[in-house]
Amino acid sequence: MLHDDPEFVREMISFWECFIADLLTRAFEYFIPDYVHISEDMAYKSFSMVSPAMTRGFLLPTWSRWGEFVRNAGVPST
């Protein structure tokens, strides 16, 4: 799908980005955790399923936005 229909993938990522950002915003209204760990299953056993360029192009903007939410909420950095 990253090659065949990248706009559809971007739409799905955008939904997930907004959904998680909303959850973080709501949670941070009630408490600030000691840390936040966000992981993606982007590899299987011994190799990545997407290239570094695809990761930067498709996922890094979303991870960066979530990182901003976490930092702005006052979660301590490690």
C-alpha atoms as a PDB file:
ATOM      1  CA  MET A   1       0.000   0.000   0.000  1.00  0.00           C
ATOM      2  CA  LEU A   2       2.914   2.362   0.620  1.00  0.00           C
ATOM      3  CA  HIS A   3       3.727   2.090  -3.080  1.00  0.00           C
ATOM      4  CA  ASP A   4       0.301   1.386  -4.570  1.00  0.00           C
ATOM      5  CA  ASP A   5      -1.827   3.874  -2.639  1.00  0.00           C
ATOM      6  CA  PRO A   6       0.324   6.163  -0.466  1.00  0.00           C
ATOM      7  CA  GLU A   7      -2.476   8.690   0.013  1.00  0.00           C
ATOM      8  CA  PHE A   8      -4.699   6.037   1.572  1.00  0.00           C
ATOM      9  CA  VAL A   9      -1.840   5.087   3.904  1.00  0.00           C
ATOM     10  CA  ARG A  10      -1.388   8.754   4.819  1.00  0.00           C
ATOM     11  CA  GLU A  11      -5.121   8.992   5.564  1.00  0.00           C
ATOM     12  CA  MET A  12      -4.913   5.975   7.888  1.00  0.00           C
ATOM     13  CA  ILE A  13      -1.821   7.364   9.611  1.00  0.00           C
ATOM     14  CA  SER A  14      -3.520  10.739  10.003  1.00  0.00           C
ATOM     15  CA  PHE A  15      -6.503   9.123  11.700  1.00  0.00           C
ATOM     16  CA  TRP A  16      -4.238   7.165  14.062  1.00  0.00           C
ATOM     17  CA  GLU A  17      -2.146  10.279  14.768  1.00  0.00           C
ATOM     18  CA  CYS A  18      -5.206  12.322  15.734  1.00  0.00           C
ATOM     19  CA  PHE A  19      -6.741   9.464  17.727  1.00  0.00           C
ATOM     20  CA  ILE A  20      -3.613   8.922  19.847  1.00  0.00           C
ATOM     21  CA  ALA A  21      -3.042  12.678  20.251  1.00  0.00           C
ATOM     22  CA  ASP A  22      -6.601  13.008  21.542  1.00  0.00           C
ATOM     23  CA  LEU A  23      -6.110  10.131  23.972  1.00  0.00           C
ATOM     24  CA  LEU A  24      -2.853  11.661  25.226  1.00  0.00           C
ATOM     25  CA  THR A  25      -4.482  15.058  25.649  1.00  0.00           C
ATOM     26  CA  ARG A  26      -7.358  13.573  27.652  1.00  0.00           C
ATOM     27  CA  ALA A  27      -5.091  11.434  29.806  1.00  0.00           C
ATOM     28  CA  PHE A  28      -2.766  14.345  30.586  1.00  0.00           C
ATOM     29  CA  GLU A  29      -5.731  16.316  31.937  1.00  0.00           C
ATOM     30  CA  TYR A  30      -5.834  13.836  34.838  1.00  0.00           C
ATOM     31  CA  PHE A  31      -2.219  12.821  35.401  1.00  0.00           C
ATOM     32  CA  ILE A  32       1.304  13.195  34.062  1.00  0.00           C
ATOM     33  CA  PRO A  33       3.077   9.854  33.804  1.00  0.00           C
ATOM     34  CA  ASP A  34       6.732   9.297  34.639  1.00  0.00           C
ATOM     35  CA  TYR A  35       7.340   8.266  31.043  1.00  0.00           C
ATOM     36  CA  VAL A  36       5.552   7.395  27.812  1.00  0.00           C
ATOM     37  CA  HIS A  37       6.648   4.530  25.593  1.00  0.00           C
ATOM     38  CA  ILE A  38       5.267   4.328  22.077  1.00  0.00           C
ATOM     39  CA  SER A  39       6.385   1.473  19.858  1.00  0.00           C
ATOM     40  CA  GLU A  40       5.538   0.233  16.403  1.00  0.00           C
ATOM     41  CA  ASP A  41       5.859  -3.252  15.011  1.00  0.00           C
ATOM     42  CA  MET A  42       7.976  -2.203  12.056  1.00  0.00           C
ATOM     43  CA  ALA A  43      10.249  -5.232  11.912  1.00  0.00           C
ATOM     44  CA  TYR A  44       9.868  -8.984  11.825  1.00  0.00           C
ATOM     45  CA  LYS A  45      12.560 -11.133  13.401  1.00  0.00           C
ATOM     46  CA  SER A  46      15.610  -9.916  11.494  1.00  0.00           C
ATOM     47  CA  PHE A  47      14.640  -7.166   9.078  1.00  0.00           C
ATOM     48  CA  SER A  48      12.555  -4.026   8.778  1.00  0.00           C
ATOM     49  CA  MET A  49       9.318  -4.163   6.795  1.00  0.00           C
ATOM     50  CA  VAL A  50       9.729  -0.595   5.489  1.00  0.00           C
ATOM     51  CA  SER A  51      12.731   1.403   4.384  1.00  0.00           C
ATOM     52  CA  PRO A  52      14.269   4.168   6.487  1.00  0.00           C
ATOM     53  CA  ALA A  53      13.052   6.689   3.891  1.00  0.00           C
ATOM     54  CA  MET A  54       9.477   5.405   4.186  1.00  0.00           C
ATOM     55  CA  THR A  55       9.708   5.557   7.968  1.00  0.00           C
ATOM     56  CA  ARG A  56      10.891   9.172   7.811  1.00  0.00           C
ATOM     57  CA  GLY A  57       8.287  10.108   5.208  1.00  0.00           C
ATOM     58  CA  PHE A  58       5.248   8.338   6.609  1.00  0.00           C
ATOM     59  CA  LEU A  59       5.802   7.876  10.344  1.00  0.00           C
ATOM     60  CA  LEU A  60       8.326  10.398  11.660  1.00  0.00           C
ATOM     61  CA  PRO A  61       5.913  13.371  11.441  1.00  0.00           C
ATOM     62  CA  THR A  62       3.384  11.467  13.561  1.00  0.00           C
ATOM     63  CA  TRP A  63       5.986  10.335  16.101  1.00  0.00           C
ATOM     64  CA  SER A  64       7.243  13.922  16.305  1.00  0.00           C
ATOM     65  CA  ARG A  65       3.742  15.248  16.999  1.00  0.00           C
ATOM     66  CA  TRP A  66       3.193  12.699  19.753  1.00  0.00           C
ATOM     67  CA  GLY A  67       6.573  13.631  21.209  1.00  0.00           C
ATOM     68  CA  GLU A  68       5.496  17.282  21.311  1.00  0.00           C
ATOM     69  CA  PHE A  69       2.336  16.345  23.227  1.00  0.00           C
ATOM     70  CA  VAL A  70       4.351  14.350  25.725  1.00  0.00           C
ATOM     71  CA  ARG A  71       6.992  17.061  26.241  1.00  0.00           C
ATOM     72  CA  ASN A  72       4.414  19.867  26.453  1.00  0.00           C
ATOM     73  CA  ALA A  73       2.487  17.910  29.082  1.00  0.00           C
ATOM     74  CA  GLY A  74       5.558  17.910  31.317  1.00  0.00           C
ATOM     75  CA  VAL A  75       6.485  14.247  31.121  1.00  0.00           C
ATOM     76  CA  PRO A  76      10.085  14.048  32.352  1.00  0.00           C
ATOM     77  CA  SER A  77      12.647  13.319  29.650  1.00  0.00           C
ATOM     78  CA  THR A  78      15.041  10.455  30.182  1.00  0.00           C
END
